[in-house]
């Protein structure tokens, strides 16, 4: 199946990318990353990494490689991650009692909800 070409939003060159040619996509992504700040600047530094890692270890010790599911039934998953129950932007903390363990797909699904 051939992907239709679209004009780049910046220069008009036809591209199979979603909205920008390769050159302008790289520049746009660099600007987005700069605005967003580093993980540490956004509050996800070494303390969060340790807390999330410990939560995943504890979860694996008790349940093995099982994700409790988010919008789906619990399922086997080896790509478990720690996730804030209450987001830091909403006043949440890096305390272990504010960490849920989900697989990457469920974590993405959770954050894609409005």
PDB file of N, CA and C in Angstrom:
ATOM      1  N   UNK A   1       0.841  -1.175   0.000  1.00  0.00           N
ATOM      2  CA  UNK A   1       0.000   0.000   0.000  1.00  0.00           C
ATOM      3  C   UNK A   1       0.894   1.247   0.000  1.00  0.00           C
ATOM      4  N   UNK A   2       0.605   2.158  -0.884  1.00  0.00           N
ATOM      5  CA  UNK A   2       1.383   3.378  -1.005  1.00  0.00           C
ATOM      6  C   UNK A   2       0.786   4.467  -0.130  1.00  0.00           C
ATOM      7  N   UNK A   3       1.643   5.117   0.629  1.00  0.00           N
ATOM      8  CA  UNK A   3       1.206   6.215   1.493  1.00  0.00           C
ATOM      9  C   UNK A   3       1.125   7.479   0.643  1.00  0.00           C
ATOM     10  N   UNK A   4      -0.005   8.193   0.690  1.00  0.00           N
ATOM     11  CA  UNK A   4      -0.100   9.418  -0.108  1.00  0.00           C
ATOM     12  C   UNK A   4       0.858  10.485   0.416  1.00  0.00           C
ATOM     13  N   UNK A   5       1.382  11.264  -0.513  1.00  0.00           N
ATOM     14  CA  UNK A   5       2.289  12.341  -0.114  1.00  0.00           C
ATOM     15  C   UNK A   5       1.491  13.571   0.278  1.00  0.00           C
ATOM     16  N   UNK A   6       2.030  14.284   1.255  1.00  0.00           N
ATOM     17  CA  UNK A   6       1.401  15.515   1.745  1.00  0.00           C
ATOM     18  C   UNK A   6       2.435  16.627   1.683  1.00  0.00           C
ATOM     19  N   UNK A   7       1.969  17.864   1.551  1.00  0.00           N
ATOM     20  CA  UNK A   7       2.931  18.964   1.560  1.00  0.00           C
ATOM     21  C   UNK A   7       3.432  19.239   2.981  1.00  0.00           C
ATOM     22  N   UNK A   8       4.716  19.502   3.096  1.00  0.00           N
ATOM     23  CA  UNK A   8       5.325  19.889   4.374  1.00  0.00           C
ATOM     24  C   UNK A   8       4.688  21.197   4.823  1.00  0.00           C
ATOM     25  N   UNK A   9       4.346  21.299   6.095  1.00  0.00           N
ATOM     26  CA  UNK A   9       3.730  22.517   6.625  1.00  0.00           C
ATOM     27  C   UNK A   9       4.660  23.721   6.561  1.00  0.00           C
ATOM     28  N   UNK A  10       5.969  23.476   6.503  1.00  0.00           N
ATOM     29  CA  UNK A  10       6.927  24.578   6.513  1.00  0.00           C
ATOM     30  C   UNK A  10       7.389  25.007   5.125  1.00  0.00           C
ATOM     31  N   UNK A  11       7.632  24.037   4.228  1.00  0.00           N
ATOM     32  CA  UNK A  11       8.197  24.408   2.927  1.00  0.00           C
ATOM     33  C   UNK A  11       7.356  23.973   1.732  1.00  0.00           C
ATOM     34  N   UNK A  12       6.360  23.122   1.945  1.00  0.00           N
ATOM     35  CA  UNK A  12       5.496  22.689   0.858  1.00  0.00           C
ATOM     36  C   UNK A  12       6.002  21.490   0.079  1.00  0.00           C
ATOM     37  N   UNK A  13       7.207  21.014   0.365  1.00  0.00           N
ATOM     38  CA  UNK A  13       7.745  19.837  -0.312  1.00  0.00           C
ATOM     39  C   UNK A  13       6.862  18.634   0.006  1.00  0.00           C
ATOM     40  N   UNK A  14       6.563  17.822  -1.012  1.00  0.00           N
ATOM     41  CA  UNK A  14       5.744  16.639  -0.778  1.00  0.00           C
ATOM     42  C   UNK A  14       6.532  15.606   0.024  1.00  0.00           C
ATOM     43  N   UNK A  15       5.882  15.037   1.018  1.00  0.00           N
ATOM     44  CA  UNK A  15       6.527  14.071   1.905  1.00  0.00           C
ATOM     45  C   UNK A  15       5.539  12.985   2.302  1.00  0.00           C
ATOM     46  N   UNK A  16       6.059  11.815   2.643  1.00  0.00           N
ATOM     47  CA  UNK A  16       5.199  10.738   3.143  1.00  0.00           C
ATOM     48  C   UNK A  16       5.076  10.791   4.661  1.00  0.00           C
ATOM     49  N   UNK A  17       5.797  11.728   5.289  1.00  0.00           N
ATOM     50  CA  UNK A  17       5.660  11.920   6.734  1.00  0.00           C
ATOM     51  C   UNK A  17       4.289  12.515   7.027  1.00  0.00           C
ATOM     52  N   UNK A  18       3.935  12.602   8.287  1.00  0.00           N
ATOM     53  CA  UNK A  18       2.614  13.121   8.650  1.00  0.00           C
ATOM     54  C   UNK A  18       2.410  14.585   8.306  1.00  0.00           C
ATOM     55  N   UNK A  19       3.398  15.430   8.628  1.00  0.00           N
ATOM     56  CA  UNK A  19       3.148  16.855   8.420  1.00  0.00           C
ATOM     57  C   UNK A  19       4.351  17.658   7.948  1.00  0.00           C
ATOM     58  N   UNK A  20       5.558  17.115   8.081  1.00  0.00           N
ATOM     59  CA  UNK A  20       6.753  17.875   7.711  1.00  0.00           C
ATOM     60  C   UNK A  20       7.755  16.975   6.999  1.00  0.00           C
ATOM     61  N   UNK A  21       8.562  17.589   6.124  1.00  0.00           N
ATOM     62  CA  UNK A  21       9.648  16.850   5.486  1.00  0.00           C
ATOM     63  C   UNK A  21      10.678  16.491   6.562  1.00  0.00           C
ATOM     64  N   UNK A  22      11.599  15.606   6.231  1.00  0.00           N
ATOM     65  CA  UNK A  22      12.584  15.145   7.221  1.00  0.00           C
ATOM     66  C   UNK A  22      13.366  16.300   7.842  1.00  0.00           C
ATOM     67  N   UNK A  23      13.786  17.255   7.022  1.00  0.00           N
ATOM     68  CA  UNK A  23      14.571  18.389   7.528  1.00  0.00           C
ATOM     69  C   UNK A  23      13.770  19.210   8.526  1.00  0.00           C
ATOM     70  N   UNK A  24      12.543  19.573   8.157  1.00  0.00           N
ATOM     71  CA  UNK A  24      11.735  20.413   9.035  1.00  0.00           C
ATOM     72  C   UNK A  24      11.193  19.637  10.234  1.00  0.00           C
ATOM     73  N   UNK A  25      10.981  18.336  10.088  1.00  0.00           N
ATOM     74  CA  UNK A  25      10.537  17.523  11.220  1.00  0.00           C
ATOM     75  C   UNK A  25      11.605  17.508  12.307  1.00  0.00           C
ATOM     76  N   UNK A  26      12.868  17.353  11.907  1.00  0.00           N
ATOM     77  CA  UNK A  26      13.965  17.335  12.884  1.00  0.00           C
ATOM     78  C   UNK A  26      14.061  18.674  13.611  1.00  0.00           C
ATOM     79  N   UNK A  27      13.933  19.769  12.879  1.00  0.00           N
ATOM     80  CA  UNK A  27      14.004  21.100  13.502  1.00  0.00           C
ATOM     81  C   UNK A  27      12.818  21.322  14.431  1.00  0.00           C
ATOM     82  N   UNK A  28      11.628  20.914  14.007  1.00  0.00           N
ATOM     83  CA  UNK A  28      10.422  21.069  14.830  1.00  0.00           C
ATOM     84  C   UNK A  28      10.561  20.264  16.123  1.00  0.00           C
ATOM     85  N   UNK A  29      11.060  19.022  16.006  1.00  0.00           N
ATOM     86  CA  UNK A  29      11.224  18.170  17.184  1.00  0.00           C
ATOM     87  C   UNK A  29      12.232  18.772  18.154  1.00  0.00           C
ATOM     88  N   UNK A  30      13.303  19.352  17.635  1.00  0.00           N
ATOM     89  CA  UNK A  30      14.299  19.995  18.498  1.00  0.00           C
ATOM     90  C   UNK A  30      13.675  21.162  19.257  1.00  0.00           C
ATOM     91  N   UNK A  31      12.839  21.955  18.587  1.00  0.00           N
ATOM     92  CA  UNK A  31      12.160  23.077  19.267  1.00  0.00           C
ATOM     93  C   UNK A  31      11.202  22.561  20.337  1.00  0.00           C
ATOM     94  N   UNK A  32      10.470  21.504  20.036  1.00  0.00           N
ATOM     95  CA  UNK A  32       9.539  20.919  21.008  1.00  0.00           C
ATOM     96  C   UNK A  32      10.299  20.431  22.238  1.00  0.00           C
ATOM     97  N   UNK A  33      11.407  19.745  22.019  1.00  0.00           N
ATOM     98  CA  UNK A  33      12.195  19.222  23.137  1.00  0.00           C
ATOM     99  C   UNK A  33      12.760  20.347  23.995  1.00  0.00           C
ATOM    100  N   UNK A  34      13.169  21.430  23.361  1.00  0.00           N
ATOM    101  CA  UNK A  34      13.720  22.558  24.108  1.00  0.00           C
ATOM    102  C   UNK A  34      12.640  23.216  24.960  1.00  0.00           C
ATOM    103  N   UNK A  35      11.438  23.393  24.409  1.00  0.00           N
ATOM    104  CA  UNK A  35      10.321  23.983  25.165  1.00  0.00           C
ATOM    105  C   UNK A  35       9.921  23.102  26.337  1.00  0.00           C
ATOM    106  N   UNK A  36       9.934  21.818  26.091  1.00  0.00           N
ATOM    107  CA  UNK A  36       9.471  20.853  27.077  1.00  0.00           C
ATOM    108  C   UNK A  36      10.409  20.753  28.269  1.00  0.00           C
ATOM    109  N   UNK A  37      11.687  20.925  28.064  1.00  0.00           N
ATOM    110  CA  UNK A  37      12.650  20.792  29.148  1.00  0.00           C
ATOM    111  C   UNK A  37      13.074  19.346  29.341  1.00  0.00           C
ATOM    112  N   UNK A  38      14.141  19.171  30.071  1.00  0.00           N
ATOM    113  CA  UNK A  38      14.659  17.823  30.321  1.00  0.00           C
ATOM    114  C   UNK A  38      13.760  17.093  31.321  1.00  0.00           C
ATOM    115  N   UNK A  39      13.970  15.805  31.440  1.00  0.00           N
ATOM    116  CA  UNK A  39      13.205  15.023  32.410  1.00  0.00           C
ATOM    117  C   UNK A  39      13.398  15.581  33.817  1.00  0.00           C
ATOM    118  N   UNK A  40      14.613  15.959  34.148  1.00  0.00           N
ATOM    119  CA  UNK A  40      14.889  16.526  35.472  1.00  0.00           C
ATOM    120  C   UNK A  40      14.156  17.845  35.659  1.00  0.00           C
ATOM    121  N   UNK A  41      14.172  18.698  34.640  1.00  0.00           N
ATOM    122  CA  UNK A  41      13.468  19.978  34.727  1.00  0.00           C
ATOM    123  C   UNK A  41      11.963  19.784  34.894  1.00  0.00           C
ATOM    124  N   UNK A  42      11.439  18.696  34.334  1.00  0.00           N
ATOM    125  CA  UNK A  42      10.004  18.423  34.448  1.00  0.00           C
ATOM    126  C   UNK A  42       9.654  17.653  35.715  1.00  0.00           C
ATOM    127  N   UNK A  43      10.657  17.390  36.573  1.00  0.00           N
ATOM    128  CA  UNK A  43      10.385  16.735  37.846  1.00  0.00           C
ATOM    129  C   UNK A  43      10.548  15.232  37.831  1.00  0.00           C
ATOM    130  N   UNK A  44      11.209  14.702  36.811  1.00  0.00           N
ATOM    131  CA  UNK A  44      11.412  13.259  36.713  1.00  0.00           C
ATOM    132  C   UNK A  44      12.896  12.926  36.777  1.00  0.00           C
ATOM    133  N   UNK A  45      13.552  13.374  37.836  1.00  0.00           N
ATOM    134  CA  UNK A  45      14.984  13.170  38.009  1.00  0.00           C
ATOM    135  C   UNK A  45      15.306  11.837  38.653  1.00  0.00           C
ATOM    136  N   UNK A  46      16.449  11.786  39.314  1.00  0.00           N
ATOM    137  CA  UNK A  46      16.953  10.537  39.875  1.00  0.00           C
ATOM    138  C   UNK A  46      16.058   9.988  40.988  1.00  0.00           C
ATOM    139  N   UNK A  47      15.445  10.866  41.770  1.00  0.00           N
ATOM    140  CA  UNK A  47      14.547  10.396  42.841  1.00  0.00           C
ATOM    141  C   UNK A  47      13.380   9.614  42.244  1.00  0.00           C
ATOM    142  N   UNK A  48      12.776  10.159  41.185  1.00  0.00           N
ATOM    143  CA  UNK A  48      11.657   9.472  40.535  1.00  0.00           C
ATOM    144  C   UNK A  48      12.130   8.160  39.913  1.00  0.00           C
ATOM    145  N   UNK A  49      13.288   8.156  39.284  1.00  0.00           N
ATOM    146  CA  UNK A  49      13.802   6.937  38.659  1.00  0.00           C
ATOM    147  C   UNK A  49      13.973   5.833  39.699  1.00  0.00           C
ATOM    148  N   UNK A  50      14.517   6.176  40.870  1.00  0.00           N
ATOM    149  CA  UNK A  50      14.684   5.177  41.939  1.00  0.00           C
ATOM    150  C   UNK A  50      13.332   4.688  42.453  1.00  0.00           C
ATOM    151  N   UNK A  51      12.401   5.611  42.670  1.00  0.00           N
ATOM    152  CA  UNK A  51      11.083   5.245  43.196  1.00  0.00           C
ATOM    153  C   UNK A  51      10.341   4.347  42.211  1.00  0.00           C
ATOM    154  N   UNK A  52      10.347   4.719  40.933  1.00  0.00           N
ATOM    155  CA  UNK A  52       9.646   3.930  39.915  1.00  0.00           C
ATOM    156  C   UNK A  52      10.283   2.554  39.762  1.00  0.00           C
ATOM    157  N   UNK A  53      11.609   2.508  39.757  1.00  0.00           N
ATOM    158  CA  UNK A  53      12.317   1.237  39.631  1.00  0.00           C
ATOM    159  C   UNK A  53      11.997   0.309  40.800  1.00  0.00           C
ATOM    160  N   UNK A  54      11.974   0.852  42.013  1.00  0.00           N
ATOM    161  CA  UNK A  54      11.649   0.048  43.192  1.00  0.00           C
ATOM    162  C   UNK A  54      10.211  -0.449  43.128  1.00  0.00           C
ATOM    163  N   UNK A  55       9.298   0.388  42.656  1.00  0.00           N
ATOM    164  CA  UNK A  55       7.893  -0.018  42.532  1.00  0.00           C
ATOM    165  C   UNK A  55       7.758  -1.180  41.551  1.00  0.00           C
ATOM    166  N   UNK A  56       8.484  -1.122  40.440  1.00  0.00           N
ATOM    167  CA  UNK A  56       8.437  -2.211  39.455  1.00  0.00           C
ATOM    168  C   UNK A  56       9.037  -3.483  40.055  1.00  0.00           C
ATOM    169  N   UNK A  57      10.154  -3.371  40.770  1.00  0.00           N
ATOM    170  CA  UNK A  57      10.762  -4.546  41.413  1.00  0.00           C
ATOM    171  C   UNK A  57       9.804  -5.178  42.414  1.00  0.00           C
ATOM    172  N   UNK A  58       9.174  -4.355  43.241  1.00  0.00           N
ATOM    173  CA  UNK A  58       8.220  -4.864  44.234  1.00  0.00           C
ATOM    174  C   UNK A  58       7.033  -5.537  43.552  1.00  0.00           C
ATOM    175  N   UNK A  59       6.540  -4.927  42.481  1.00  0.00           N
ATOM    176  CA  UNK A  59       5.407  -5.486  41.735  1.00  0.00           C
ATOM    177  C   UNK A  59       5.786  -6.846  41.150  1.00  0.00           C
ATOM    178  N   UNK A  60       6.970  -6.924  40.544  1.00  0.00           N
ATOM    179  CA  UNK A  60       7.418  -8.191  39.951  1.00  0.00           C
ATOM    180  C   UNK A  60       7.588  -9.270  41.015  1.00  0.00           C
ATOM    181  N   UNK A  61       8.085  -8.895  42.191  1.00  0.00           N
ATOM    182  CA  UNK A  61       8.279  -9.868  43.270  1.00  0.00           C
ATOM    183  C   UNK A  61       6.943 -10.460  43.711  1.00  0.00           C
ATOM    184  N   UNK A  62       5.902  -9.641  43.687  1.00  0.00           N
ATOM    185  CA  UNK A  62       4.591 -10.106  44.145  1.00  0.00           C
ATOM    186  C   UNK A  62       3.750 -10.724  43.033  1.00  0.00           C
ATOM    187  N   UNK A  63       3.790 -10.154  41.826  1.00  0.00           N
ATOM    188  CA  UNK A  63       2.886 -10.575  40.751  1.00  0.00           C
ATOM    189  C   UNK A  63       3.582 -11.140  39.518  1.00  0.00           C
ATOM    190  N   UNK A  64       4.895 -11.049  39.439  1.00  0.00           N
ATOM    191  CA  UNK A  64       5.593 -11.471  38.226  1.00  0.00           C
ATOM    192  C   UNK A  64       5.423 -10.424  37.134  1.00  0.00           C
ATOM    193  N   UNK A  65       5.562 -10.853  35.896  1.00  0.00           N
ATOM    194  CA  UNK A  65       5.457  -9.935  34.756  1.00  0.00           C
ATOM    195  C   UNK A  65       4.006  -9.793  34.301  1.00  0.00           C
ATOM    196  N   UNK A  66       3.173  -9.268  35.182  1.00  0.00           N
ATOM    197  CA  UNK A  66       1.766  -9.062  34.852  1.00  0.00           C
ATOM    198  C   UNK A  66       1.411  -7.599  35.028  1.00  0.00           C
ATOM    199  N   UNK A  67       0.765  -7.054  34.013  1.00  0.00           N
ATOM    200  CA  UNK A  67       0.263  -5.684  34.072  1.00  0.00           C
ATOM    201  C   UNK A  67      -1.184  -5.751  34.548  1.00  0.00           C
ATOM    202  N   UNK A  68      -1.581  -4.906  35.497  1.00  0.00           N
ATOM    203  CA  UNK A  68      -2.963  -4.929  35.963  1.00  0.00           C
ATOM    204  C   UNK A  68      -3.946  -4.441  34.907  1.00  0.00           C
ATOM    205  N   UNK A  69      -3.437  -3.836  33.855  1.00  0.00           N
ATOM    206  CA  UNK A  69      -4.291  -3.374  32.756  1.00  0.00           C
ATOM    207  C   UNK A  69      -4.868  -1.999  33.010  1.00  0.00           C
ATOM    208  N   UNK A  70      -5.042  -1.260  31.941  1.00  0.00           N
ATOM    209  CA  UNK A  70      -5.698   0.046  31.985  1.00  0.00           C
ATOM    210  C   UNK A  70      -6.628   0.083  30.783  1.00  0.00           C
ATOM    211  N   UNK A  71      -7.901  -0.119  31.033  1.00  0.00           N
ATOM    212  CA  UNK A  71      -8.865  -0.191  29.942  1.00  0.00           C
ATOM    213  C   UNK A  71      -8.869  -1.546  29.259  1.00  0.00           C
ATOM    214  N   UNK A  72      -8.067  -2.464  29.745  1.00  0.00           N
ATOM    215  CA  UNK A  72      -8.017  -3.833  29.231  1.00  0.00           C
ATOM    216  C   UNK A  72      -7.844  -4.765  30.431  1.00  0.00           C
ATOM    217  N   UNK A  73      -8.039  -6.042  30.195  1.00  0.00           N
ATOM    218  CA  UNK A  73      -7.862  -7.022  31.266  1.00  0.00           C
ATOM    219  C   UNK A  73      -6.384  -7.147  31.638  1.00  0.00           C
ATOM    220  N   UNK A  74      -6.093  -7.601  32.860  1.00  0.00           N
ATOM    221  CA  UNK A  74      -4.697  -7.855  33.228  1.00  0.00           C
ATOM    222  C   UNK A  74      -4.058  -8.813  32.217  1.00  0.00           C
ATOM    223  N   UNK A  75      -2.778  -8.616  31.944  1.00  0.00           N
ATOM    224  CA  UNK A  75      -2.106  -9.410  30.919  1.00  0.00           C
ATOM    225  C   UNK A  75      -0.613  -9.509  31.208  1.00  0.00           C
ATOM    226  N   UNK A  76       0.014 -10.502  30.581  1.00  0.00           N
ATOM    227  CA  UNK A  76       1.455 -10.688  30.714  1.00  0.00           C
ATOM    228  C   UNK A  76       2.164  -9.543  30.003  1.00  0.00           C
ATOM    229  N   UNK A  77       3.182  -8.975  30.643  1.00  0.00           N
ATOM    230  CA  UNK A  77       3.950  -7.886  30.038  1.00  0.00           C
ATOM    231  C   UNK A  77       5.316  -7.805  30.699  1.00  0.00           C
ATOM    232  N   UNK A  78       6.346  -7.717  29.899  1.00  0.00           N
ATOM    233  CA  UNK A  78       7.699  -7.613  30.444  1.00  0.00           C
ATOM    234  C   UNK A  78       8.198  -6.173  30.483  1.00  0.00           C
ATOM    235  N   UNK A  79       7.463  -5.261  29.860  1.00  0.00           N
ATOM    236  CA  UNK A  79       7.895  -3.855  29.783  1.00  0.00           C
ATOM    237  C   UNK A  79       7.166  -2.993  30.815  1.00  0.00           C
ATOM    238  N   UNK A  80       7.243  -3.400  32.072  1.00  0.00           N
ATOM    239  CA  UNK A  80       6.542  -2.687  33.139  1.00  0.00           C
ATOM    240  C   UNK A  80       7.236  -1.372  33.485  1.00  0.00           C
ATOM    241  N   UNK A  81       6.437  -0.364  33.804  1.00  0.00           N
ATOM    242  CA  UNK A  81       6.957   0.956  34.159  1.00  0.00           C
ATOM    243  C   UNK A  81       6.205   1.498  35.367  1.00  0.00           C
ATOM    244  N   UNK A  82       6.851   2.393  36.088  1.00  0.00           N
ATOM    245  CA  UNK A  82       6.192   3.095  37.182  1.00  0.00           C
ATOM    246  C   UNK A  82       5.500   4.331  36.633  1.00  0.00           C
ATOM    247  N   UNK A  83       4.330   4.640  37.162  1.00  0.00           N
ATOM    248  CA  UNK A  83       3.558   5.787  36.694  1.00  0.00           C
ATOM    249  C   UNK A  83       2.938   6.483  37.901  1.00  0.00           C
ATOM    250  N   UNK A  84       2.932   7.804  37.875  1.00  0.00           N
ATOM    251  CA  UNK A  84       2.284   8.538  38.965  1.00  0.00           C
ATOM    252  C   UNK A  84       0.778   8.281  38.948  1.00  0.00           C
ATOM    253  N   UNK A  85       0.199   8.019  40.101  1.00  0.00           N
ATOM    254  CA  UNK A  85      -1.255   7.910  40.220  1.00  0.00           C
ATOM    255  C   UNK A  85      -1.849   9.306  40.106  1.00  0.00           C
ATOM    256  N   UNK A  86      -1.338  10.224  40.908  1.00  0.00           N
ATOM    257  CA  UNK A  86      -1.697  11.645  40.796  1.00  0.00           C
ATOM    258  C   UNK A  86      -0.497  12.330  40.155  1.00  0.00           C
ATOM    259  N   UNK A  87      -0.691  12.892  38.983  1.00  0.00           N
ATOM    260  CA  UNK A  87       0.402  13.519  38.243  1.00  0.00           C
ATOM    261  C   UNK A  87       1.065  14.618  39.064  1.00  0.00           C
ATOM    262  N   UNK A  88       2.358  14.777  38.864  1.00  0.00           N
ATOM    263  CA  UNK A  88       3.072  15.842  39.574  1.00  0.00           C
ATOM    264  C   UNK A  88       2.477  17.205  39.231  1.00  0.00           C
ATOM    265  N   UNK A  89       2.018  17.360  38.008  1.00  0.00           N
ATOM    266  CA  UNK A  89       1.403  18.626  37.590  1.00  0.00           C
ATOM    267  C   UNK A  89       0.124  18.908  38.371  1.00  0.00           C
ATOM    268  N   UNK A  90      -0.486  17.855  38.928  1.00  0.00           N
ATOM    269  CA  UNK A  90      -1.715  18.006  39.712  1.00  0.00           C
ATOM    270  C   UNK A  90      -1.455  17.894  41.207  1.00  0.00           C
ATOM    271  N   UNK A  91      -0.210  18.087  41.612  1.00  0.00           N
ATOM    272  CA  UNK A  91       0.107  18.059  43.036  1.00  0.00           C
ATOM    273  C   UNK A  91       0.591  16.721  43.552  1.00  0.00           C
ATOM    274  N   UNK A  92       0.775  15.737  42.670  1.00  0.00           N
ATOM    275  CA  UNK A  92       1.267  14.433  43.088  1.00  0.00           C
ATOM    276  C   UNK A  92       2.730  14.494  43.493  1.00  0.00           C
ATOM    277  N   UNK A  93       3.194  13.433  44.121  1.00  0.00           N
ATOM    278  CA  UNK A  93       4.576  13.399  44.604  1.00  0.00           C
ATOM    279  C   UNK A  93       5.276  12.150  44.083  1.00  0.00           C
ATOM    280  N   UNK A  94       6.550  12.037  44.426  1.00  0.00           N
ATOM    281  CA  UNK A  94       7.325  10.852  44.075  1.00  0.00           C
ATOM    282  C   UNK A  94       7.284   9.796  45.173  1.00  0.00           C
ATOM    283  N   UNK A  95       6.380   9.924  46.119  1.00  0.00           N
ATOM    284  CA  UNK A  95       6.247   8.932  47.185  1.00  0.00           C
ATOM    285  C   UNK A  95       5.819   7.591  46.596  1.00  0.00           C
ATOM    286  N   UNK A  96       6.316   6.490  47.151  1.00  0.00           N
ATOM    287  CA  UNK A  96       5.947   5.172  46.641  1.00  0.00           C
ATOM    288  C   UNK A  96       4.440   4.907  46.629  1.00  0.00           C
ATOM    289  N   UNK A  97       3.690   5.530  47.545  1.00  0.00           N
ATOM    290  CA  UNK A  97       2.241   5.305  47.554  1.00  0.00           C
ATOM    291  C   UNK A  97       1.530   6.064  46.434  1.00  0.00           C
ATOM    292  N   UNK A  98       2.263   6.833  45.641  1.00  0.00           N
ATOM    293  CA  UNK A  98       1.688   7.533  44.494  1.00  0.00           C
ATOM    294  C   UNK A  98       2.186   6.926  43.184  1.00  0.00           C
ATOM    295  N   UNK A  99       2.593   5.654  43.225  1.00  0.00           N
ATOM    296  CA  UNK A  99       3.118   4.987  42.032  1.00  0.00           C
ATOM    297  C   UNK A  99       2.267   3.770  41.702  1.00  0.00           C
ATOM    298  N   UNK A 100       1.846   3.688  40.448  1.00  0.00           N
ATOM    299  CA  UNK A 100       1.169   2.503  39.930  1.00  0.00           C
ATOM    300  C   UNK A 100       2.096   1.866  38.903  1.00  0.00           C
ATOM    301  N   UNK A 101       2.044   0.558  38.778  1.00  0.00           N
ATOM    302  CA  UNK A 101       2.870  -0.140  37.795  1.00  0.00           C
ATOM    303  C   UNK A 101       1.973  -0.590  36.651  1.00  0.00           C
ATOM    304  N   UNK A 102       2.358  -0.199  35.440  1.00  0.00           N
ATOM    305  CA  UNK A 102       1.642  -0.559  34.219  1.00  0.00           C
ATOM    306  C   UNK A 102       2.659  -0.917  33.145  1.00  0.00           C
ATOM    307  N   UNK A 103       2.225  -1.641  32.125  1.00  0.00           N
ATOM    308  CA  UNK A 103       3.101  -1.852  30.972  1.00  0.00           C
ATOM    309  C   UNK A 103       3.106  -0.569  30.137  1.00  0.00           C
ATOM    310  N   UNK A 104       4.028  -0.460  29.215  1.00  0.00           N
ATOM    311  CA  UNK A 104       4.138   0.766  28.419  1.00  0.00           C
ATOM    312  C   UNK A 104       2.859   1.055  27.632  1.00  0.00           C
ATOM    313  N   UNK A 105       2.240   0.030  27.066  1.00  0.00           N
ATOM    314  CA  UNK A 105       1.022   0.242  26.279  1.00  0.00           C
ATOM    315  C   UNK A 105      -0.105   0.785  27.158  1.00  0.00           C
ATOM    316  N   UNK A 106      -0.290   0.226  28.338  1.00  0.00           N
ATOM    317  CA  UNK A 106      -1.342   0.713  29.244  1.00  0.00           C
ATOM    318  C   UNK A 106      -1.014   2.114  29.751  1.00  0.00           C
ATOM    319  N   UNK A 107       0.267   2.371  30.013  1.00  0.00           N
ATOM    320  CA  UNK A 107       0.680   3.698  30.450  1.00  0.00           C
ATOM    321  C   UNK A 107       0.342   4.721  29.362  1.00  0.00           C
ATOM    322  N   UNK A 108       0.641   4.398  28.110  1.00  0.00           N
ATOM    323  CA  UNK A 108       0.313   5.306  27.000  1.00  0.00           C
ATOM    324  C   UNK A 108      -1.195   5.478  26.867  1.00  0.00           C
ATOM    325  N   UNK A 109      -1.936   4.385  27.009  1.00  0.00           N
ATOM    326  CA  UNK A 109      -3.398   4.444  26.909  1.00  0.00           C
ATOM    327  C   UNK A 109      -3.968   5.337  28.011  1.00  0.00           C
ATOM    328  N   UNK A 110      -3.427   5.217  29.207  1.00  0.00           N
ATOM    329  CA  UNK A 110      -3.890   6.028  30.335  1.00  0.00           C
ATOM    330  C   UNK A 110      -3.678   7.511  30.052  1.00  0.00           C
ATOM    331  N   UNK A 111      -2.501   7.858  29.526  1.00  0.00           N
ATOM    332  CA  UNK A 111      -2.183   9.266  29.298  1.00  0.00           C
ATOM    333  C   UNK A 111      -2.828   9.824  28.037  1.00  0.00           C
ATOM    334  N   UNK A 112      -3.352   8.954  27.182  1.00  0.00           N
ATOM    335  CA  UNK A 112      -4.029   9.421  25.967  1.00  0.00           C
ATOM    336  C   UNK A 112      -5.471   9.821  26.259  1.00  0.00           C
ATOM    337  N   UNK A 113      -5.984   9.427  27.420  1.00  0.00           N
ATOM    338  CA  UNK A 113      -7.360   9.791  27.779  1.00  0.00           C
ATOM    339  C   UNK A 113      -7.425  11.260  28.152  1.00  0.00           C
ATOM    340  N   UNK A 114      -8.539  11.919  27.785  1.00  0.00           N
ATOM    341  CA  UNK A 114      -8.676  13.352  28.126  1.00  0.00           C
ATOM    342  C   UNK A 114      -8.808  13.585  29.614  1.00  0.00           C
TER     343      UNK A 114
END
